[in-house]
C-alpha atoms as a PDB file:
ATOM      1  CA  MET A   1     -72.611 -58.688  -1.165  1.00  0.00           C
ATOM      2  CA  ARG A   2     -74.447 -61.996  -1.530  1.00  0.00           C
ATOM      3  CA  THR A   3     -74.702 -61.475  -5.300  1.00  0.00           C
ATOM      4  CA  LYS A   4     -70.981 -60.762  -5.540  1.00  0.00           C
ATOM      5  CA  ILE A   5     -70.067 -63.928  -3.645  1.00  0.00           C
ATOM      6  CA  ARG A   6     -72.476 -65.949  -5.762  1.00  0.00           C
ATOM      7  CA  GLY A   7     -70.898 -64.471  -8.912  1.00  0.00           C
ATOM      8  CA  ILE A   8     -67.385 -65.390  -7.764  1.00  0.00           C
ATOM      9  CA  CYS A   9     -68.519 -68.929  -7.001  1.00  0.00           C
ATOM     10  CA  CYS A  10     -70.179 -69.248 -10.407  1.00  0.00           C
ATOM     11  CA  VAL A  11     -67.047 -68.028 -12.187  1.00  0.00           C
ATOM     12  CA  ALA A  12     -64.952 -70.539 -10.225  1.00  0.00           C
ATOM     13  CA  VAL A  13     -67.320 -73.367 -11.129  1.00  0.00           C
ATOM     14  CA  ILE A  14     -67.333 -72.344 -14.810  1.00  0.00           C
ATOM     15  CA  LEU A  15     -63.520 -72.262 -14.851  1.00  0.00           C
ATOM     16  CA  CYS A  16     -63.475 -75.777 -13.410  1.00  0.00           C
ATOM     17  CA  PHE A  17     -65.864 -76.968 -16.113  1.00  0.00           C
ATOM     18  CA  ILE A  18     -63.613 -75.374 -18.769  1.00  0.00           C
ATOM     19  CA  LEU A  19     -60.241 -76.465 -17.356  1.00  0.00           C
ATOM     20  CA  GLY A  20     -61.412 -80.037 -16.722  1.00  0.00           C
ATOM     21  CA  PRO A  21     -62.029 -80.874 -20.403  1.00  0.00           C
ATOM     22  CA  CYS A  22     -58.909 -78.935 -21.459  1.00  0.00           C
ATOM     23  CA  ILE A  23     -56.748 -81.081 -19.168  1.00  0.00           C
ATOM     24  CA  GLY A  24     -58.597 -84.193 -20.356  1.00  0.00           C
ATOM     25  CA  PHE A  25     -57.990 -83.230 -23.991  1.00  0.00           C
ATOM     26  CA  TYR A  26     -54.294 -82.650 -23.281  1.00  0.00           C
ATOM     27  CA  ARG A  27     -53.869 -86.028 -21.596  1.00  0.00           C
ATOM     28  CA  TYR A  28     -55.874 -87.868 -24.231  1.00  0.00           C
ATOM     29  CA  CYS A  29     -53.945 -86.359 -27.143  1.00  0.00           C
ATOM     30  CA  SER A  30     -50.576 -87.082 -25.502  1.00  0.00           C
ATOM     31  CA  MET A  31     -51.469 -90.660 -24.585  1.00  0.00           C
ATOM     32  CA  ALA A  32     -53.169 -91.472 -27.908  1.00  0.00           C
ATOM     33  CA  ALA A  33     -50.311 -90.064 -29.988  1.00  0.00           C
ATOM     34  CA  ARG A  34     -47.664 -91.841 -27.910  1.00  0.00           C
ATOM     35  CA  ALA A  35     -49.508 -95.166 -27.940  1.00  0.00           C
ATOM     36  CA  SER A  36     -49.874 -95.170 -31.740  1.00  0.00           C
ATOM     37  CA  CYS A  37     -46.268 -94.044 -32.140  1.00  0.00           C
ATOM     38  CA  ILE A  38     -44.924 -96.825 -29.887  1.00  0.00           C
ATOM     39  CA  SER A  39     -47.032 -99.464 -31.637  1.00  0.00           C
ATOM     40  CA  ALA A  40     -45.949 -98.445 -35.144  1.00  0.00           C
ATOM     41  CA  GLN A  41     -42.304 -98.093 -34.114  1.00  0.00           C
ATOM     42  CA  GLY A  42     -42.321-101.575 -32.592  1.00  0.00           C
ATOM     43  CA  GLN A  43     -43.734-103.213 -35.716  1.00  0.00           C
ATOM     44  CA  ILE A  44     -41.460-101.413 -38.179  1.00  0.00           C
ATOM     45  CA  ALA A  45     -38.341-101.842 -36.033  1.00  0.00           C
ATOM     46  CA  LYS A  46     -39.092-105.567 -35.651  1.00  0.00           C
ATOM     47  CA  ASN A  47     -39.462-105.995 -39.417  1.00  0.00           C
ATOM     48  CA  LEU A  48     -36.278-104.039 -40.052  1.00  0.00           C
ATOM     49  CA  GLU A  49     -34.295-105.914 -37.404  1.00  0.00           C
ATOM     50  CA  SER A  50     -35.405-109.343 -38.634  1.00  0.00           C
ATOM     51  CA  THR A  51     -34.375-108.397 -42.189  1.00  0.00           C
ATOM     52  CA  LEU A  52     -31.011-107.149 -40.978  1.00  0.00           C
ATOM     53  CA  ASN A  53     -30.377-110.281 -38.904  1.00  0.00           C
ATOM     54  CA  LEU A  54     -31.312-112.571 -41.807  1.00  0.00           C
ATOM     55  CA  LEU A  55     -28.917-110.751 -44.146  1.00  0.00           C
ATOM     56  CA  LYS A  56     -26.121-110.992 -41.576  1.00  0.00           C
ATOM     57  CA  VAL A  57     -26.632-114.747 -41.364  1.00  0.00           C
ATOM     58  CA  ILE A  58     -26.641-115.077 -45.162  1.00  0.00           C
ATOM     59  CA  SER A  59     -23.553-112.861 -45.486  1.00  0.00           C
ATOM     60  CA  GLU A  60     -21.563-115.305 -43.342  1.00  0.00           C
ATOM     61  CA  GLU A  61     -22.433-118.346 -45.459  1.00  0.00           C
ATOM     62  CA  PRO A  62     -19.278-119.769 -47.143  1.00  0.00           C
ATOM     63  CA  TRP A  63     -21.067-120.078 -50.504  1.00  0.00           C
ATOM     64  CA  MET A  64     -21.593-116.305 -50.565  1.00  0.00           C
ATOM     65  CA  LEU A  65     -17.842-115.740 -51.086  1.00  0.00           C
ATOM     66  CA  PRO A  66     -16.928-114.858 -54.708  1.00  0.00           C
ATOM     67  CA  GLU A  67     -14.738-117.901 -55.352  1.00  0.00           C
ATOM     68  CA  ASP A  68     -17.154-120.514 -53.963  1.00  0.00           C
ATOM     69  CA  ILE A  69     -19.991-120.889 -56.507  1.00  0.00           C
ATOM     70  CA  PRO A  70     -21.164-118.822 -59.527  1.00  0.00           C
ATOM     71  CA  TYR A  71     -23.343-115.813 -58.785  1.00  0.00           C
ATOM     72  CA  GLN A  72     -26.266-117.318 -60.677  1.00  0.00           C
ATOM     73  CA  GLU A  73     -26.224-120.270 -58.289  1.00  0.00           C
ATOM     74  CA  LYS A  74     -25.978-117.902 -55.319  1.00  0.00           C
ATOM     75  CA  ALA A  75     -29.111-116.192 -56.649  1.00  0.00           C
ATOM     76  CA  GLU A  76     -30.897-119.562 -56.867  1.00  0.00           C
ATOM     77  CA  ARG A  77     -30.140-120.274 -53.224  1.00  0.00           C
ATOM     78  CA  LEU A  78     -31.293-116.802 -52.216  1.00  0.00           C
ATOM     79  CA  ASP A  79     -34.609-117.444 -53.977  1.00  0.00           C
ATOM     80  CA  HIS A  80     -35.201-120.235 -51.457  1.00  0.00           C
ATOM     81  CA  TYR A  81     -34.721-117.697 -48.655  1.00  0.00           C
ATOM     82  CA  ASN A  82     -37.268-115.495 -50.396  1.00  0.00           C
ATOM     83  CA  GLU A  83     -39.788-118.336 -50.378  1.00  0.00           C
ATOM     84  CA  ILE A  84     -39.088-119.449 -46.807  1.00  0.00           C
ATOM     85  CA  TRP A  85     -39.073-116.022 -45.166  1.00  0.00           C
ATOM     86  CA  GLY A  86     -41.663-114.308 -47.347  1.00  0.00           C
ATOM     87  CA  TYR A  87     -39.406-111.776 -49.064  1.00  0.00           C
ATOM     88  CA  GLN A  88     -39.904-110.774 -52.673  1.00  0.00           C
ATOM     89  CA  MET A  89     -36.319-109.786 -53.364  1.00  0.00           C
ATOM     90  CA  ILE A  90     -33.110-110.897 -51.650  1.00  0.00           C
ATOM     91  CA  ARG A  91     -30.226-110.449 -54.081  1.00  0.00           C
ATOM     92  CA  THR A  92     -26.476-110.929 -54.220  1.00  0.00           C
ATOM     93  CA  VAL A  93     -24.109-108.184 -55.407  1.00  0.00           C
ATOM     94  CA  ASP A  94     -20.625-108.822 -56.788  1.00  0.00           C
ATOM     95  CA  THR A  95     -17.548-106.707 -56.040  1.00  0.00           C
ATOM     96  CA  TYR A  96     -18.305-104.484 -59.042  1.00  0.00           C
ATOM     97  CA  GLY A  97     -21.864-103.705 -57.944  1.00  0.00           C
ATOM     98  CA  GLY A  98     -23.519-106.188 -60.299  1.00  0.00           C
ATOM     99  CA  VAL A  99     -26.854-107.673 -59.196  1.00  0.00           C
ATOM    100  CA  TYR A 100     -27.725-111.270 -60.112  1.00  0.00           C
ATOM    101  CA  ARG A 101     -30.887-113.308 -60.594  1.00  0.00           C
ATOM    102  CA  ALA A 102     -31.378-117.048 -60.876  1.00  0.00           C
ATOM    103  CA  ASP A 103     -32.569-116.808 -64.489  1.00  0.00           C
ATOM    104  CA  HIS A 104     -29.545-114.802 -65.712  1.00  0.00           C
ATOM    105  CA  GLU A 105     -25.905-115.818 -65.822  1.00  0.00           C
ATOM    106  CA  GLU A 106     -24.746-112.207 -66.135  1.00  0.00           C
ATOM    107  CA  ALA A 107     -25.572-109.297 -63.853  1.00  0.00           C
ATOM    108  CA  VAL A 108     -29.009-107.837 -64.589  1.00  0.00           C
ATOM    109  CA  SER A 109     -28.211-104.382 -63.173  1.00  0.00           C
ATOM    110  CA  ASN A 110     -25.470-102.419 -61.433  1.00  0.00           C
ATOM    111  CA  LEU A 111     -25.712-100.550 -58.133  1.00  0.00           C
ATOM    112  CA  ASN A 112     -22.307 -98.873 -58.091  1.00  0.00           C
ATOM    113  CA  SER A 113     -23.859 -95.452 -58.596  1.00  0.00           C
ATOM    114  CA  ARG A 114     -26.105 -95.834 -55.544  1.00  0.00           C
ATOM    115  CA  GLU A 115     -24.995 -93.880 -52.498  1.00  0.00           C
ATOM    116  CA  TYR A 116     -25.725 -96.685 -50.048  1.00  0.00           C
ATOM    117  CA  ILE A 117     -23.566 -99.141 -52.029  1.00  0.00           C
ATOM    118  CA  GLN A 118     -20.705 -96.642 -52.114  1.00  0.00           C
ATOM    119  CA  ASN A 119     -21.036 -96.201 -48.348  1.00  0.00           C
ATOM    120  CA  LEU A 120     -21.091 -99.967 -47.879  1.00  0.00           C
ATOM    121  CA  TRP A 121     -17.903-100.330 -49.941  1.00  0.00           C
ATOM    122  CA  VAL A 122     -16.156 -97.741 -47.738  1.00  0.00           C
ATOM    123  CA  THR A 123     -17.482 -98.577 -44.259  1.00  0.00           C
ATOM    124  CA  ASN A 124     -18.548-102.250 -44.481  1.00  0.00           C
ATOM    125  CA  GLU A 125     -21.370-101.244 -42.120  1.00  0.00           C
ATOM    126  CA  PRO A 126     -24.974-102.337 -42.832  1.00  0.00           C
ATOM    127  CA  GLN A 127     -26.868 -99.786 -44.910  1.00  0.00           C
ATOM    128  CA  ILE A 128     -30.567 -98.925 -44.623  1.00  0.00           C
ATOM    129  CA  THR A 129     -31.938 -96.619 -47.291  1.00  0.00           C
ATOM    130  CA  ASP A 130     -34.809 -94.175 -47.300  1.00  0.00           C
ATOM    131  CA  VAL A 131     -37.727 -94.968 -49.591  1.00  0.00           C
ATOM    132  CA  PHE A 132     -37.160 -94.747 -53.345  1.00  0.00           C
ATOM    133  CA  LEU A 133     -38.906 -95.672 -56.588  1.00  0.00           C
ATOM    134  CA  ALA A 134     -37.911 -99.065 -57.967  1.00  0.00           C
ATOM    135  CA  GLY A 135     -39.260-101.926 -60.031  1.00  0.00           C
ATOM    136  CA  ALA A 136     -39.708-102.327 -63.760  1.00  0.00           C
ATOM    137  CA  ASP A 137     -42.530 -99.781 -63.764  1.00  0.00           C
ATOM    138  CA  GLY A 138     -40.516 -97.274 -61.746  1.00  0.00           C
ATOM    139  CA  LYS A 139     -43.538 -96.776 -59.483  1.00  0.00           C
ATOM    140  CA  THR A 140     -42.905 -99.262 -56.685  1.00  0.00           C
ATOM    141  CA  LEU A 141     -41.812 -97.686 -53.407  1.00  0.00           C
ATOM    142  CA  ASN A 142     -39.384 -99.711 -51.349  1.00  0.00           C
ATOM    143  CA  TYR A 143     -36.505 -99.572 -48.893  1.00  0.00           C
ATOM    144  CA  THR A 144     -33.235-101.481 -49.144  1.00  0.00           C
ATOM    145  CA  VAL A 145     -31.168-103.143 -46.423  1.00  0.00           C
ATOM    146  CA  ALA A 146     -27.642-104.143 -47.529  1.00  0.00           C
ATOM    147  CA  VAL A 147     -24.898-106.069 -45.697  1.00  0.00           C
ATOM    148  CA  ALA A 148     -21.275-106.757 -46.653  1.00  0.00           C
ATOM    149  CA  VAL A 149     -20.427-110.416 -47.326  1.00  0.00           C
ATOM    150  CA  ALA A 150     -18.081-111.698 -44.601  1.00  0.00           C
ATOM    151  CA  GLY A 151     -17.703-108.112 -43.386  1.00  0.00           C
ATOM    152  CA  ASP A 152     -15.753-106.997 -46.475  1.00  0.00           C
ATOM    153  CA  ALA A 153     -17.855-105.637 -49.336  1.00  0.00           C
ATOM    154  CA  GLY A 154     -14.890-104.479 -51.404  1.00  0.00           C
ATOM    155  CA  ASN A 155     -13.437-107.995 -51.685  1.00  0.00           C
ATOM    156  CA  ASN A 156     -16.517-110.182 -51.228  1.00  0.00           C
ATOM    157  CA  GLY A 157     -19.521-108.202 -52.457  1.00  0.00           C
ATOM    158  CA  ALA A 158     -22.813-107.776 -50.639  1.00  0.00           C
ATOM    159  CA  VAL A 159     -26.304-109.117 -50.122  1.00  0.00           C
ATOM    160  CA  PHE A 160     -29.406-106.943 -49.934  1.00  0.00           C
ATOM    161  CA  ALA A 161     -33.135-107.251 -49.364  1.00  0.00           C
ATOM    162  CA  ALA A 162     -36.019-105.009 -50.336  1.00  0.00           C
ATOM    163  CA  ILE A 163     -38.719-104.018 -47.868  1.00  0.00           C
ATOM    164  CA  TYR A 164     -41.808-102.889 -49.748  1.00  0.00           C
ATOM    165  CA  ASP A 165     -43.581 -99.741 -48.679  1.00  0.00           C
ATOM    166  CA  SER A 166     -46.890-101.600 -48.619  1.00  0.00           C
ATOM    167  CA  GLU A 167     -45.628-103.500 -45.542  1.00  0.00           C
ATOM    168  CA  VAL A 168     -44.601-100.280 -43.814  1.00  0.00           C
ATOM    169  CA  ARG A 169     -47.845 -98.536 -44.719  1.00  0.00           C
ATOM    170  CA  ARG A 170     -49.826-101.462 -43.326  1.00  0.00           C
ATOM    171  CA  ALA A 171     -48.213-100.972 -39.908  1.00  0.00           C
ATOM    172  CA  LEU A 172     -48.813 -97.216 -40.031  1.00  0.00           C
ATOM    173  CA  SER A 173     -52.449 -97.414 -41.154  1.00  0.00           C
ATOM    174  CA  ALA A 174     -53.261 -99.930 -38.395  1.00  0.00           C
ATOM    175  CA  GLN A 175     -52.837 -97.169 -35.788  1.00  0.00           C
ATOM    176  CA  PRO A 176     -55.890 -95.279 -34.473  1.00  0.00           C
ATOM    177  CA  MET A 177     -54.070 -91.944 -34.772  1.00  0.00           C
ATOM    178  CA  HIS A 178     -52.628 -90.508 -38.014  1.00  0.00           C
ATOM    179  CA  THR A 179     -49.086 -91.941 -38.234  1.00  0.00           C
ATOM    180  CA  ILE A 180     -46.315 -91.434 -40.796  1.00  0.00           C
ATOM    181  CA  LEU A 181     -42.682 -92.473 -41.273  1.00  0.00           C
ATOM    182  CA  LEU A 182     -39.975 -89.829 -41.606  1.00  0.00           C
ATOM    183  CA  GLY A 183     -36.641 -90.406 -43.356  1.00  0.00           C
ATOM    184  CA  LYS A 184     -33.106 -89.229 -42.670  1.00  0.00           C
ATOM    185  CA  LYS A 185     -33.927 -85.691 -43.823  1.00  0.00           C
ATOM    186  CA  GLN A 186     -37.153 -85.665 -41.779  1.00  0.00           C
ATOM    187  CA  GLN A 187     -39.209 -86.024 -44.958  1.00  0.00           C
ATOM    188  CA  CYS A 188     -42.416 -88.051 -45.052  1.00  0.00           C
ATOM    189  CA  MET A 189     -41.702 -91.443 -46.645  1.00  0.00           C
ATOM    190  CA  SER A 190     -44.876 -93.382 -45.930  1.00  0.00           C
ATOM    191  CA  GLY A 191     -48.417 -92.911 -44.685  1.00  0.00           C
ATOM    192  CA  ASN A 192     -52.036 -92.978 -45.780  1.00  0.00           C
ATOM    193  CA  ASP A 193     -51.978 -89.421 -47.143  1.00  0.00           C
ATOM    194  CA  GLU A 194     -49.985 -89.546 -50.395  1.00  0.00           C
ATOM    195  CA  SER A 195     -50.008 -85.741 -50.644  1.00  0.00           C
ATOM    196  CA  LEU A 196     -47.581 -85.655 -47.698  1.00  0.00           C
ATOM    197  CA  LEU A 197     -44.922 -87.838 -49.368  1.00  0.00           C
ATOM    198  CA  GLY A 198     -41.662 -85.898 -49.555  1.00  0.00           C
ATOM    199  CA  VAL A 199     -42.967 -83.089 -47.324  1.00  0.00           C
ATOM    200  CA  THR A 200     -40.518 -82.300 -44.514  1.00  0.00           C
ATOM    201  CA  LEU A 201     -41.373 -81.857 -40.860  1.00  0.00           C
ATOM    202  CA  GLU A 202     -39.909 -78.353 -41.042  1.00  0.00           C
ATOM    203  CA  SER A 203     -42.272 -77.292 -43.831  1.00  0.00           C
ATOM    204  CA  ARG A 204     -45.265 -78.768 -41.992  1.00  0.00           C
ATOM    205  CA  LEU A 205     -44.532 -76.749 -38.842  1.00  0.00           C
ATOM    206  CA  GLU A 206     -43.147 -73.604 -40.444  1.00  0.00           C
ATOM    207  CA  GLY A 207     -45.241 -70.576 -39.476  1.00  0.00           C
ATOM    208  CA  LYS A 208     -47.153 -72.473 -36.785  1.00  0.00           C
ATOM    209  CA  LYS A 209     -47.073 -71.576 -33.094  1.00  0.00           C
ATOM    210  CA  ILE A 210     -44.931 -74.202 -31.338  1.00  0.00           C
ATOM    211  CA  PHE A 211     -45.272 -74.251 -27.564  1.00  0.00           C
ATOM    212  CA  GLY A 212     -42.142 -74.040 -25.436  1.00  0.00           C
ATOM    213  CA  GLU A 213     -39.429 -74.010 -28.113  1.00  0.00           C
ATOM    214  CA  ARG A 214     -38.281 -72.660 -31.448  1.00  0.00           C
ATOM    215  CA  LEU A 215     -38.665 -74.560 -34.717  1.00  0.00           C
ATOM    216  CA  GLU A 216     -34.894 -75.098 -35.078  1.00  0.00           C
ATOM    217  CA  SER A 217     -34.470 -76.579 -31.587  1.00  0.00           C
ATOM    218  CA  MET A 218     -37.512 -78.793 -32.095  1.00  0.00           C
ATOM    219  CA  LEU A 219     -36.095 -80.226 -35.343  1.00  0.00           C
ATOM    220  CA  LEU A 220     -32.805 -80.980 -33.579  1.00  0.00           C
ATOM    221  CA  ARG A 221     -34.688 -82.671 -30.752  1.00  0.00           C
ATOM    222  CA  VAL A 222     -36.550 -84.937 -33.167  1.00  0.00           C
ATOM    223  CA  LYS A 223     -33.248 -85.838 -34.821  1.00  0.00           C
ATOM    224  CA  ASN A 224     -31.226 -86.468 -31.663  1.00  0.00           C
ATOM    225  CA  GLU A 225     -33.678 -87.764 -29.050  1.00  0.00           C
ATOM    226  CA  ASP A 226     -35.155 -91.265 -28.939  1.00  0.00           C
ATOM    227  CA  SER A 227     -38.704 -90.049 -28.333  1.00  0.00           C
ATOM    228  CA  GLY A 228     -40.763 -87.054 -27.271  1.00  0.00           C
ATOM    229  CA  THR A 229     -43.763 -84.845 -27.987  1.00  0.00           C
ATOM    230  CA  ILE A 230     -44.342 -81.520 -29.745  1.00  0.00           C
ATOM    231  CA  TRP A 231     -47.297 -79.249 -29.052  1.00  0.00           C
ATOM    232  CA  PHE A 232     -48.361 -76.594 -31.544  1.00  0.00           C
ATOM    233  CA  LEU A 233     -51.380 -74.756 -32.910  1.00  0.00           C
ATOM    234  CA  ASP A 234     -52.671 -76.056 -36.241  1.00  0.00           C
ATOM    235  CA  GLY A 235     -54.753 -73.003 -37.082  1.00  0.00           C
ATOM    236  CA  PHE A 236     -56.626 -72.591 -33.801  1.00  0.00           C
ATOM    237  CA  VAL A 237     -56.566 -76.292 -32.892  1.00  0.00           C
ATOM    238  CA  PRO A 238     -54.032 -77.503 -30.270  1.00  0.00           C
ATOM    239  CA  THR A 239     -52.238 -80.512 -31.757  1.00  0.00           C
ATOM    240  CA  CYS A 240     -49.741 -83.005 -30.352  1.00  0.00           C
ATOM    241  CA  TYR A 241     -47.023 -84.730 -32.361  1.00  0.00           C
ATOM    242  CA  ALA A 242     -45.398 -87.772 -30.765  1.00  0.00           C
ATOM    243  CA  PHE A 243     -42.139 -88.956 -32.315  1.00  0.00           C
ATOM    244  CA  ARG A 244     -40.034 -92.064 -31.790  1.00  0.00           C
ATOM    245  CA  ASN A 245     -36.835 -93.074 -33.585  1.00  0.00           C
ATOM    246  CA  VAL A 246     -36.895 -96.498 -35.217  1.00  0.00           C
ATOM    247  CA  GLY A 247     -33.235 -97.099 -34.343  1.00  0.00           C
ATOM    248  CA  LEU A 248     -30.800 -99.604 -35.912  1.00  0.00           C
ATOM    249  CA  ASP A 249     -28.947 -96.610 -37.432  1.00  0.00           C
ATOM    250  CA  SER A 250     -31.769 -96.280 -39.946  1.00  0.00           C
ATOM    251  CA  GLY A 251     -32.305 -92.548 -39.405  1.00  0.00           C
ATOM    252  CA  TRP A 252     -36.063 -93.229 -39.549  1.00  0.00           C
ATOM    253  CA  THR A 253     -38.577 -91.624 -37.197  1.00  0.00           C
ATOM    254  CA  ILE A 254     -42.213 -92.460 -36.495  1.00  0.00           C
ATOM    255  CA  LEU A 255     -44.432 -89.365 -36.191  1.00  0.00           C
ATOM    256  CA  THR A 256     -48.001 -89.505 -34.888  1.00  0.00           C
ATOM    257  CA  SER A 257     -50.471 -86.634 -34.560  1.00  0.00           C
ATOM    258  CA  ALA A 258     -53.494 -86.193 -32.289  1.00  0.00           C
ATOM    259  CA  SER A 259     -55.458 -82.949 -32.035  1.00  0.00           C
ATOM    260  CA  TYR A 260     -58.248 -81.603 -29.869  1.00  0.00           C
ATOM    261  CA  VAL A 261     -60.568 -82.292 -32.812  1.00  0.00           C
ATOM    262  CA  ASP A 262     -59.600 -85.990 -32.637  1.00  0.00           C
ATOM    263  CA  ALA A 263     -60.190 -85.971 -28.888  1.00  0.00           C
ATOM    264  CA  ALA A 264     -63.608 -84.320 -29.179  1.00  0.00           C
ATOM    265  CA  GLY A 265     -65.251 -87.480 -30.481  1.00  0.00           C
ATOM    266  CA  GLU A 266     -63.798 -89.616 -27.700  1.00  0.00           C
ATOM    267  CA  LEU A 267     -64.505 -87.104 -24.937  1.00  0.00           C
ATOM    268  CA  MET A 268     -67.999 -86.064 -26.049  1.00  0.00           C
ATOM    269  CA  PRO A 269     -69.649 -87.134 -22.740  1.00  0.00           C
ATOM    270  CA  VAL A 270     -67.207 -84.915 -20.839  1.00  0.00           C
ATOM    271  CA  ILE A 271     -67.937 -82.010 -23.200  1.00  0.00           C
ATOM    272  CA  ILE A 272     -71.701 -82.431 -22.736  1.00  0.00           C
ATOM    273  CA  ILE A 273     -71.356 -82.520 -18.941  1.00  0.00           C
ATOM    274  CA  SER A 274     -69.128 -79.432 -18.968  1.00  0.00           C
ATOM    275  CA  VAL A 275     -71.443 -77.427 -21.239  1.00  0.00           C
ATOM    276  CA  THR A 276     -74.428 -78.447 -19.120  1.00  0.00           C
ATOM    277  CA  GLY A 277     -72.578 -77.434 -15.966  1.00  0.00           C
ATOM    278  CA  ILE A 278     -71.672 -74.034 -17.426  1.00  0.00           C
ATOM    279  CA  LEU A 279     -75.287 -73.385 -18.500  1.00  0.00           C
ATOM    280  CA  LEU A 280     -76.618 -74.425 -15.089  1.00  0.00           C
ATOM    281  CA  SER A 281     -74.102 -72.101 -13.427  1.00  0.00           C
ATOM    282  CA  PHE A 282     -75.368 -69.187 -15.518  1.00  0.00           C
ATOM    283  CA  VAL A 283     -78.981 -70.111 -14.708  1.00  0.00           C
ATOM    284  CA  TYR A 284     -78.169 -70.383 -11.002  1.00  0.00           C
ATOM    285  CA  PHE A 285     -76.442 -66.992 -11.034  1.00  0.00           C
ATOM    286  CA  TYR A 286     -79.310 -65.354 -12.950  1.00  0.00           C
ATOM    287  CA  ILE A 287     -82.025 -66.798 -10.691  1.00  0.00           C
ATOM    288  CA  GLY A 288     -80.036 -65.921  -7.580  1.00  0.00           C
ATOM    289  CA  LYS A 289     -79.542 -62.362  -8.784  1.00  0.00           C
ATOM    290  CA  ARG A 290     -83.267 -61.920  -9.447  1.00  0.00           C
ATOM    291  CA  THR A 291     -84.114 -63.381  -6.053  1.00  0.00           C
ATOM    292  CA  ASP A 292     -81.700 -60.978  -4.357  1.00  0.00           C
ATOM    293  CA  SER A 293     -83.256 -58.075  -6.263  1.00  0.00           C
ATOM    294  CA  LYS A 294     -86.761 -59.041  -5.138  1.00  0.00           C
ATOM    295  CA  MET A 295     -85.632 -59.453  -1.537  1.00  0.00           C
ATOM    296  CA  SER A 296     -83.995 -56.033  -1.655  1.00  0.00           C
ATOM    297  CA  GLY A 297     -87.209 -54.542  -3.067  1.00  0.00           C
ATOM    298  CA  ASN A 298     -89.349 -56.148  -0.372  1.00  0.00           C
ATOM    299  CA  THR A 299     -86.997 -54.889   2.352  1.00  0.00           C
ATOM    300  CA  ILE A 300     -87.330 -51.329   1.095  1.00  0.00           C
END
């Protein structure tokens, strides 16, 4: 009877030593993923909002109207904004989609075929694009923010600014947990792992065991909710995704991952204590069982 009670107590102690680290891992992964997600979202949203606000101010300047000054002169003035505010490309767009630079009297390119310009012409609402390849080499990744001049792009044209992916990636890579930026179609747009670029959230989680919900409902939740977490098994490793929408009608989402493997390094002292406790419990049970056996033998 004494051996049975001792065995039950040992099992209870072992379960405590196992459940303790598991709960600690769960809390650590959730908190670490959320903290990195909030930090990255704050930096990227601030950059995006400041760009949007600057363009709105510029769009209300009287000299931005088509009949005020030539577009080449508008481009010269915008170059001063580039220098003052640290942008590499703020450009004016005429009512035909032509883009102007200070060193060219005529338009150097045309954006009429771009979807965001077409949307701007129709809605007059600020447009924020997903990442795309741009530049003379066709290898530069950037995002574009465009605003209608005086609230009427069709009659007055537009002004836009480029946000380079290097700025976004800097904010993402500064986080302790692996953090990426998702676009409007939940595709990876930026992050340290270039192999993930263009990969959708759906394809990353397809076939994996998601806790508490189906893949379809989870994708809708990421799209419609401001923030949240997703737990799933990556192989045999429990992993937490924290997501947070950037806002400003960008359709962007910050996604951060933290797994039990990530937590193991941080919680190593807890793991050592738990393993030691489990081993001592086994030793205690074994010694107690042998002692009981000897006492039973002596009694006989």
